[in-house]
Amino acid sequence: MSCDVVACELHTLPSNCEEIEETNFDSNFQGTDDVVYTVANAEQEIKLFTNAPSAELVVVDGGAHFLSASHPKDVDNALIAFVGKYA
C-alpha cells in the first residue's frame, strides 16, 4: 500500500502509509524541543518519501512544535528557498 501526497507535514500522514508515491515535498523542519512530535518520529517518517526527488530532514535546535512561531526566520528562509527551487 502507498499514499499519494501533494505536499504535507510529515506528522499528518495517515498511519497506514508505507511510502509516498508523488510529492513536491523537499524538506521537513523538525524542532528538537517539540514535545508533540519528536525528531525520532520525523527521522522514521522521512524515509517514507521513497519516490521524492529529494527528502531532507532539517533539525532546528530549540525549535518547538510550531516552528513558524518559535523560529520564523528559519521557516521563512526555507519557504523562500522551496518556492525558488520550483518556481
C-alpha atoms as a PDB file:
ATOM      1  CA  MET A   1       0.000   0.000   0.000  1.00  0.00           C
ATOM      2  CA  SER A   2       1.192   3.547  -0.677  1.00  0.00           C
ATOM      3  CA  CYS A   3      -0.150   7.073  -0.460  1.00  0.00           C
ATOM      4  CA  ASP A   4      -0.314   9.919  -2.964  1.00  0.00           C
ATOM      5  CA  VAL A   5       0.578  13.230  -1.345  1.00  0.00           C
ATOM      6  CA  VAL A   6       0.950  16.628  -2.958  1.00  0.00           C
ATOM      7  CA  ALA A   7       2.608  18.387  -0.034  1.00  0.00           C
ATOM      8  CA  CYS A   8       2.146  17.977   3.681  1.00  0.00           C
ATOM      9  CA  GLU A   9       3.799  17.986   7.034  1.00  0.00           C
ATOM     10  CA  LEU A  10       5.085  14.537   7.855  1.00  0.00           C
ATOM     11  CA  HIS A  11       3.187  14.177  11.077  1.00  0.00           C
ATOM     12  CA  THR A  12      -0.132  14.453   9.225  1.00  0.00           C
ATOM     13  CA  LEU A  13       0.430  11.341   7.122  1.00  0.00           C
ATOM     14  CA  PRO A  14      -2.069   8.532   7.556  1.00  0.00           C
ATOM     15  CA  SER A  15      -0.611   5.821   9.763  1.00  0.00           C
ATOM     16  CA  ASN A  16      -1.134   3.172   7.061  1.00  0.00           C
ATOM     17  CA  CYS A  17       1.211   4.844   4.564  1.00  0.00           C
ATOM     18  CA  GLU A  18       4.199   2.702   3.685  1.00  0.00           C
ATOM     19  CA  GLU A  19       5.673   5.036   1.100  1.00  0.00           C
ATOM     20  CA  ILE A  20       4.861   8.248  -0.709  1.00  0.00           C
ATOM     21  CA  GLU A  21       4.439   7.951  -4.474  1.00  0.00           C
ATOM     22  CA  GLU A  22       4.135  11.551  -5.617  1.00  0.00           C
ATOM     23  CA  THR A  23       5.150  14.672  -3.789  1.00  0.00           C
ATOM     24  CA  ASN A  24       6.509  18.152  -4.196  1.00  0.00           C
ATOM     25  CA  PHE A  25       7.901  17.715  -0.710  1.00  0.00           C
ATOM     26  CA  ASP A  26      11.517  18.713  -0.382  1.00  0.00           C
ATOM     27  CA  SER A  27      12.408  19.132   3.268  1.00  0.00           C
ATOM     28  CA  ASN A  28      10.849  18.845   6.669  1.00  0.00           C
ATOM     29  CA  PHE A  29      11.827  21.053   9.577  1.00  0.00           C
ATOM     30  CA  GLN A  30      11.676  19.426  12.977  1.00  0.00           C
ATOM     31  CA  GLY A  31      12.361  21.161  16.263  1.00  0.00           C
ATOM     32  CA  THR A  32      14.374  19.491  18.998  1.00  0.00           C
ATOM     33  CA  ASP A  33      12.025  20.900  21.659  1.00  0.00           C
ATOM     34  CA  ASP A  34       8.828  19.631  20.021  1.00  0.00           C
ATOM     35  CA  VAL A  35       7.083  17.671  22.774  1.00  0.00           C
ATOM     36  CA  VAL A  36       4.222  16.610  20.475  1.00  0.00           C
ATOM     37  CA  TYR A  37       6.252  15.110  17.635  1.00  0.00           C
ATOM     38  CA  THR A  38       9.845  14.068  18.207  1.00  0.00           C
ATOM     39  CA  VAL A  39      12.897  14.156  15.991  1.00  0.00           C
ATOM     40  CA  ALA A  40      12.911  10.338  16.151  1.00  0.00           C
ATOM     41  CA  ASN A  41       9.389  10.290  14.643  1.00  0.00           C
ATOM     42  CA  ALA A  42      10.453  12.622  11.855  1.00  0.00           C
ATOM     43  CA  GLU A  43      13.571  10.542  11.160  1.00  0.00           C
ATOM     44  CA  GLN A  44      11.422   7.459  10.658  1.00  0.00           C
ATOM     45  CA  GLU A  45       8.744   9.120   8.540  1.00  0.00           C
ATOM     46  CA  ILE A  46      11.116  10.990   6.214  1.00  0.00           C
ATOM     47  CA  LYS A  47      12.085   7.529   4.969  1.00  0.00           C
ATOM     48  CA  LEU A  48       8.553   7.135   3.556  1.00  0.00           C
ATOM     49  CA  PHE A  49       9.313   9.618   0.786  1.00  0.00           C
ATOM     50  CA  THR A  50      10.987   6.978  -1.358  1.00  0.00           C
ATOM     51  CA  ASN A  51       9.969   8.451  -4.711  1.00  0.00           C
ATOM     52  CA  ALA A  52      10.540  12.121  -3.943  1.00  0.00           C
ATOM     53  CA  PRO A  53      13.330  13.813  -5.899  1.00  0.00           C
ATOM     54  CA  SER A  54      14.768  14.695  -2.521  1.00  0.00           C
ATOM     55  CA  ALA A  55      13.572  14.383   1.042  1.00  0.00           C
ATOM     56  CA  GLU A  56      15.580  16.142   3.694  1.00  0.00           C
ATOM     57  CA  LEU A  57      15.024  16.392   7.431  1.00  0.00           C
ATOM     58  CA  VAL A  58      16.270  19.671   8.872  1.00  0.00           C
ATOM     59  CA  VAL A  59      16.516  19.593  12.664  1.00  0.00           C
ATOM     60  CA  VAL A  60      16.148  23.029  14.274  1.00  0.00           C
ATOM     61  CA  ASP A  61      17.889  23.258  17.641  1.00  0.00           C
ATOM     62  CA  GLY A  62      15.437  24.547  20.229  1.00  0.00           C
ATOM     63  CA  GLY A  63      12.517  24.515  17.807  1.00  0.00           C
ATOM     64  CA  ALA A  64       9.045  23.973  19.256  1.00  0.00           C
ATOM     65  CA  HIS A  65       6.038  22.226  17.701  1.00  0.00           C
ATOM     66  CA  PHE A  66       5.026  25.362  15.772  1.00  0.00           C
ATOM     67  CA  LEU A  67       8.322  26.297  14.189  1.00  0.00           C
ATOM     68  CA  SER A  68       6.779  29.246  12.401  1.00  0.00           C
ATOM     69  CA  ALA A  69       6.214  30.792  15.852  1.00  0.00           C
ATOM     70  CA  SER A  70       9.429  29.734  17.589  1.00  0.00           C
ATOM     71  CA  HIS A  71      11.800  30.122  14.612  1.00  0.00           C
ATOM     72  CA  PRO A  72      10.037  32.292  12.000  1.00  0.00           C
ATOM     73  CA  LYS A  73      13.197  33.314  10.134  1.00  0.00           C
ATOM     74  CA  ASP A  74      14.241  29.681   9.629  1.00  0.00           C
ATOM     75  CA  VAL A  75      10.794  28.803   8.283  1.00  0.00           C
ATOM     76  CA  ASP A  76      10.629  31.910   6.084  1.00  0.00           C
ATOM     77  CA  ASN A  77      14.042  31.190   4.569  1.00  0.00           C
ATOM     78  CA  ALA A  78      13.106  27.554   3.915  1.00  0.00           C
ATOM     79  CA  LEU A  79       9.860  28.578   2.205  1.00  0.00           C
ATOM     80  CA  ILE A  80      11.650  31.133   0.041  1.00  0.00           C
ATOM     81  CA  ALA A  81      14.220  28.502  -0.972  1.00  0.00           C
ATOM     82  CA  PHE A  82      11.480  25.957  -1.690  1.00  0.00           C
ATOM     83  CA  VAL A  83       9.493  28.351  -3.882  1.00  0.00           C
ATOM     84  CA  GLY A  84      12.674  29.467  -5.656  1.00  0.00           C
ATOM     85  CA  LYS A  85      13.603  25.869  -6.374  1.00  0.00           C
ATOM     86  CA  TYR A  86      10.274  25.023  -8.023  1.00  0.00           C
ATOM     87  CA  ALA A  87       9.140  28.388  -9.413  1.00  0.00           C
END
